[in-house]
């Protein structure tokens, strides 16, 4: 027991150092710290106690909301970037095809490491919304990883996964409203892009409507609440600012059972 406490103290100190390194100016240092954090959080997660090893409970570390946010921010800043941004960060060196492939491989590893934390319920599932919303834009680079993450999270909790999917679409919708204002052009490529993502998500529910009934109903409930959440600042005679979100939500209508459409 004493050895466990000594090890816990050592691991805790090392985790703290790695967390500090996430804000280091040196990118390779940050990336290494991120990978170490993901690996350590996997090793010293609640999984450690499975198979009758409850005695190892002192070694279990659950990342607090602050660390979870830092890890997610790191993924947003270092994984979901344009290739042009990557080129500019190469300090003027001419990046050949081999370097591009290597850089992409590194980013895929970073995303896979974080996704694993979500899949094993070490990081809260709602963090996956920030990943799911990039499914279409970065399909060629990370489509397989994001699809696998979606599949695994659905196996863990169908309801929570559905709520996370609709949250990712709400985030994209909010971002669009911030860019273009409340009077969205519903025929614009941006709105069509969100609808296309919703259509892709709808396809992942499969054909068994009985099996997915509760999850699909929950998704619609959350989507409708979001559409009518805020009043128009001009007054009650004007439509709610998020009303256009119903068009996005309609992509899931075919997955609803007839009795649930009432």
Protein backbone atom coordinates (compact mmCIF):
# COMPACT_ATOMS: atom_id res chain seq x y z
CA UNK A 1 0.00 0.00 0.00
CA UNK A 2 2.87 2.35 0.81
CA UNK A 3 4.47 1.58 -2.56
CA UNK A 4 1.20 2.43 -4.28
CA UNK A 5 1.08 5.82 -2.59
CA UNK A 6 4.68 6.55 -3.59
CA UNK A 7 3.89 5.59 -7.19
CA UNK A 8 0.72 7.70 -7.11
CA UNK A 9 2.70 10.73 -5.99
CA UNK A 10 5.26 10.18 -8.75
CA UNK A 11 2.62 9.76 -11.46
CA UNK A 12 0.70 12.80 -10.22
CA UNK A 13 3.86 14.94 -10.41
CA UNK A 14 4.67 13.66 -13.90
CA UNK A 15 1.13 14.35 -15.12
CA UNK A 16 1.40 17.90 -13.79
CA UNK A 17 4.70 18.44 -15.63
CA UNK A 18 3.20 17.09 -18.87
CA UNK A 19 0.18 19.36 -18.47
CA UNK A 20 2.47 22.38 -18.06
CA UNK A 21 4.33 21.35 -21.22
CA UNK A 22 1.12 21.61 -23.26
CA UNK A 23 1.66 25.37 -23.26
CA UNK A 24 5.34 25.12 -24.25
CA UNK A 25 6.39 27.21 -27.25
CA UNK A 26 8.17 24.20 -28.77
CA UNK A 27 5.66 22.18 -30.83
CA UNK A 28 7.49 18.80 -30.60
CA UNK A 29 7.60 19.21 -26.79
CA UNK A 30 3.86 19.93 -26.71
CA UNK A 31 3.08 16.95 -28.93
CA UNK A 32 5.20 14.61 -26.81
CA UNK A 33 3.56 15.90 -23.62
CA UNK A 34 0.11 15.38 -25.15
CA UNK A 35 0.88 11.78 -26.15
CA UNK A 36 2.35 11.02 -22.72
CA UNK A 37 -0.74 12.44 -21.01
CA UNK A 38 -3.07 10.35 -23.17
CA UNK A 39 -1.01 7.20 -22.55
CA UNK A 40 -0.80 7.76 -18.78
CA UNK A 41 -4.51 8.55 -18.47
CA UNK A 42 -5.23 5.30 -20.30
CA UNK A 43 -2.89 3.25 -18.08
CA UNK A 44 -4.05 4.82 -14.80
CA UNK A 45 -7.76 4.95 -15.65
CA UNK A 46 -10.66 3.17 -13.94
CA UNK A 47 -9.87 0.21 -16.22
CA UNK A 48 -6.95 -0.49 -13.88
CA UNK A 49 -9.34 -1.95 -11.30
CA UNK A 50 -11.04 -4.46 -13.60
CA UNK A 51 -10.58 -8.18 -13.01
CA UNK A 52 -10.63 -7.99 -9.22
CA UNK A 53 -7.84 -5.42 -8.88
CA UNK A 54 -9.75 -3.02 -6.64
CA UNK A 55 -6.61 -2.66 -4.51
CA UNK A 56 -5.09 -0.51 -7.26
CA UNK A 57 -7.74 2.18 -6.75
CA UNK A 58 -5.19 4.68 -5.32
CA UNK A 59 -3.46 4.67 -8.72
CA UNK A 60 -6.57 5.70 -10.66
CA UNK A 61 -6.44 9.23 -12.08
CA UNK A 62 -9.54 10.86 -13.54
CA UNK A 63 -8.73 14.01 -15.55
CA UNK A 64 -10.56 17.04 -14.17
CA UNK A 65 -12.55 19.34 -16.46
CA UNK A 66 -9.57 21.70 -16.77
CA UNK A 67 -7.24 19.02 -18.11
CA UNK A 68 -9.97 17.64 -20.39
CA UNK A 69 -10.48 21.12 -21.86
CA UNK A 70 -6.74 21.57 -22.38
CA UNK A 71 -6.45 18.24 -24.19
CA UNK A 72 -9.44 19.07 -26.40
CA UNK A 73 -8.05 22.53 -27.18
CA UNK A 74 -4.75 20.92 -28.15
CA UNK A 75 -6.56 18.65 -30.62
CA UNK A 76 -8.44 21.61 -32.10
CA UNK A 77 -5.23 23.63 -32.52
CA UNK A 78 -2.90 20.88 -33.75
CA UNK A 79 -5.07 18.33 -35.55
CA UNK A 80 -7.85 20.22 -37.32
CA UNK A 81 -5.63 22.61 -39.24
CA UNK A 82 -5.35 23.40 -42.93
CA UNK A 83 -2.37 22.08 -44.84
CA UNK A 84 -1.50 25.70 -45.72
CA UNK A 85 -1.16 26.53 -42.02
CA UNK A 86 1.12 23.55 -41.62
CA UNK A 87 3.28 24.73 -44.53
CA UNK A 88 3.67 28.19 -43.04
CA UNK A 89 4.72 26.72 -39.71
CA UNK A 90 7.59 24.86 -41.33
CA UNK A 91 9.77 27.97 -41.03
CA UNK A 92 10.03 28.50 -44.76
CA UNK A 93 11.38 25.05 -45.57
CA UNK A 94 10.01 23.49 -48.74
CA UNK A 95 7.82 20.68 -47.55
CA UNK A 96 7.90 17.76 -49.93
CA UNK A 97 5.29 15.05 -50.22
CA UNK A 98 7.05 12.77 -47.74
CA UNK A 99 7.03 15.48 -45.07
CA UNK A 100 3.34 16.15 -45.68
CA UNK A 101 2.54 12.48 -45.23
CA UNK A 102 4.62 12.31 -42.06
CA UNK A 103 2.91 15.42 -40.65
CA UNK A 104 -0.52 13.94 -41.39
CA UNK A 105 0.49 10.65 -39.76
CA UNK A 106 1.50 12.57 -36.63
CA UNK A 107 -1.81 14.46 -36.53
CA UNK A 108 -3.73 11.20 -36.98
CA UNK A 109 -1.87 9.72 -34.00
CA UNK A 110 -2.77 12.75 -31.87
CA UNK A 111 -6.46 12.46 -32.79
CA UNK A 112 -6.50 8.68 -32.26
CA UNK A 113 -4.92 9.05 -28.80
CA UNK A 114 -7.57 11.56 -27.69
CA UNK A 115 -10.42 9.60 -29.28
CA UNK A 116 -9.32 6.57 -27.29
CA UNK A 117 -9.84 8.55 -24.06
CA UNK A 118 -13.43 9.26 -25.16
CA UNK A 119 -14.09 5.66 -26.19
CA UNK A 120 -12.88 4.35 -22.81
CA UNK A 121 -14.96 6.92 -20.89
CA UNK A 122 -11.90 8.71 -19.50
CA UNK A 123 -12.85 12.02 -21.14
CA UNK A 124 -16.54 13.06 -21.14
CA UNK A 125 -18.35 11.95 -24.29
CA UNK A 126 -19.68 15.44 -25.07
CA UNK A 127 -16.09 16.40 -25.96
CA UNK A 128 -16.56 14.23 -29.04
CA UNK A 129 -18.96 16.85 -30.46
CA UNK A 130 -15.95 19.02 -31.33
CA UNK A 131 -14.49 16.08 -33.24
CA UNK A 132 -17.68 14.85 -34.92
CA UNK A 133 -18.40 18.29 -36.39
CA UNK A 134 -15.21 18.03 -38.48
CA UNK A 135 -16.23 14.72 -40.07
CA UNK A 136 -17.04 16.15 -43.51
CA UNK A 137 -14.39 18.85 -43.73
CA UNK A 138 -11.54 16.50 -42.80
CA UNK A 139 -13.05 13.31 -44.18
CA UNK A 140 -10.01 12.38 -46.28
CA UNK A 141 -7.57 12.89 -43.41
CA UNK A 142 -9.48 11.57 -40.39
CA UNK A 143 -12.79 10.14 -41.62
CA UNK A 144 -11.95 6.59 -40.56
CA UNK A 145 -10.88 7.65 -37.04
CA UNK A 146 -13.96 9.82 -36.49
CA UNK A 147 -16.30 7.12 -37.82
CA UNK A 148 -14.75 4.52 -35.53
CA UNK A 149 -15.04 6.89 -32.55
CA UNK A 150 -18.71 7.44 -33.36
CA UNK A 151 -19.32 3.71 -33.65
CA UNK A 152 -17.61 2.92 -30.34
CA UNK A 153 -19.32 5.73 -28.40
CA UNK A 154 -22.69 4.50 -29.68
CA UNK A 155 -21.88 1.03 -28.34
CA UNK A 156 -21.14 2.55 -24.93
CA UNK A 157 -24.27 4.72 -24.67
CA UNK A 158 -26.71 5.15 -27.58
CA UNK A 159 -28.58 8.02 -25.93
CA UNK A 160 -25.51 10.03 -24.97
CA UNK A 161 -24.01 9.45 -28.40
CA UNK A 162 -27.16 10.81 -30.07
CA UNK A 163 -27.04 13.88 -27.81
CA UNK A 164 -23.39 14.38 -28.76
CA UNK A 165 -24.19 14.16 -32.48
CA UNK A 166 -26.91 16.81 -32.26
CA UNK A 167 -24.61 18.96 -30.11
CA UNK A 168 -21.96 18.89 -32.84
CA UNK A 169 -24.53 20.13 -35.38
CA UNK A 170 -25.70 22.83 -32.97
CA UNK A 171 -22.10 24.00 -32.58
CA UNK A 172 -21.69 24.31 -36.35
CA UNK A 173 -25.02 26.15 -36.59
CA UNK A 174 -24.00 28.58 -33.83
CA UNK A 175 -20.66 29.22 -35.55
CA UNK A 176 -22.50 30.02 -38.77
CA UNK A 177 -24.91 32.41 -37.01
CA UNK A 178 -21.94 34.20 -35.42
CA UNK A 179 -20.33 34.59 -38.85
CA UNK A 180 -23.39 35.54 -40.90
CA UNK A 181 -25.92 36.84 -38.39
CA UNK A 182 -29.34 35.38 -37.49
CA UNK A 183 -30.87 35.77 -40.98
CA UNK A 184 -29.18 32.77 -42.56
CA UNK A 185 -29.38 32.12 -46.27
CA UNK A 186 -30.83 28.62 -46.12
CA UNK A 187 -29.68 27.89 -49.67
CA UNK A 188 -26.04 28.77 -48.91
CA UNK A 189 -23.25 26.22 -49.19
CA UNK A 190 -22.59 26.56 -45.44
CA UNK A 191 -26.13 25.56 -44.47
CA UNK A 192 -26.09 22.79 -47.07
CA UNK A 193 -22.81 21.56 -45.54
CA UNK A 194 -24.39 21.22 -42.09
CA UNK A 195 -27.40 19.43 -43.60
CA UNK A 196 -25.12 17.05 -45.47
CA UNK A 197 -23.27 16.25 -42.24
CA UNK A 198 -26.63 15.59 -40.55
CA UNK A 199 -27.57 13.28 -43.43
CA UNK A 200 -24.31 11.36 -42.97
CA UNK A 201 -24.97 11.08 -39.24
CA UNK A 202 -28.51 9.83 -39.93
CA UNK A 203 -27.14 7.04 -42.10
CA UNK A 204 -25.04 5.76 -39.19
CA UNK A 205 -28.24 4.85 -37.29
CA UNK A 206 -28.83 1.96 -39.67
CA UNK A 207 -32.17 0.45 -40.68
CA UNK A 208 -33.44 -1.01 -37.38
CA UNK A 209 -35.76 1.76 -36.18
CA UNK A 210 -36.85 -0.19 -33.10
CA UNK A 211 -33.26 -0.57 -31.94
CA UNK A 212 -32.48 3.13 -32.37
CA UNK A 213 -35.92 4.48 -31.40
CA UNK A 214 -35.03 6.05 -28.06
CA UNK A 215 -31.76 7.55 -29.32
CA UNK A 216 -33.42 9.08 -32.40
CA UNK A 217 -36.30 10.46 -30.31
CA UNK A 218 -33.83 12.03 -27.86
CA UNK A 219 -31.90 13.59 -30.73
CA UNK A 220 -35.10 15.15 -32.12
CA UNK A 221 -36.16 16.41 -28.68
CA UNK A 222 -32.80 18.15 -28.17
CA UNK A 223 -32.88 19.54 -31.71
CA UNK A 224 -36.41 20.96 -31.39
CA UNK A 225 -35.60 22.51 -27.99
CA UNK A 226 -32.54 24.17 -29.54
CA UNK A 227 -34.59 25.54 -32.47
CA UNK A 228 -37.07 27.24 -30.10
CA UNK A 229 -34.65 27.99 -27.26
CA UNK A 230 -34.34 31.75 -27.76
CA UNK A 231 -36.89 34.44 -28.47
CA UNK A 232 -36.38 36.82 -31.35
CA UNK A 233 -35.06 40.15 -30.04
CA UNK A 234 -37.55 41.94 -32.29
CA UNK A 235 -40.44 40.44 -30.32
CA UNK A 236 -42.76 37.45 -30.09
CA UNK A 237 -44.27 38.08 -33.52
CA UNK A 238 -40.96 37.15 -35.14
CA UNK A 239 -39.61 33.61 -35.56
CA UNK A 240 -37.00 32.27 -33.08
CA UNK A 241 -33.43 32.91 -34.31
CA UNK A 242 -32.55 29.19 -34.36
CA UNK A 243 -35.65 28.13 -36.29
CA UNK A 244 -33.61 27.29 -39.40
CA UNK A 245 -32.02 24.46 -37.41
CA UNK A 246 -35.21 22.46 -38.01
CA UNK A 247 -34.05 22.06 -41.62
CA UNK A 248 -30.89 20.38 -40.33
CA UNK A 249 -32.93 18.23 -37.96
CA UNK A 250 -35.24 17.13 -40.79
CA UNK A 251 -32.38 15.00 -42.17
CA UNK A 252 -33.08 12.57 -39.30
CA UNK A 253 -36.87 12.42 -39.80
CA UNK A 254 -36.74 9.20 -41.80
CA UNK A 255 -35.26 7.46 -38.75
CA UNK A 256 -38.26 8.31 -36.56
CA UNK A 257 -41.02 5.77 -36.03
CA UNK A 258 -44.40 7.02 -37.26
CA UNK A 259 -45.89 7.18 -33.75
CA UNK A 260 -42.92 9.28 -32.55
CA UNK A 261 -43.53 11.93 -35.21
CA UNK A 262 -46.70 13.11 -33.48
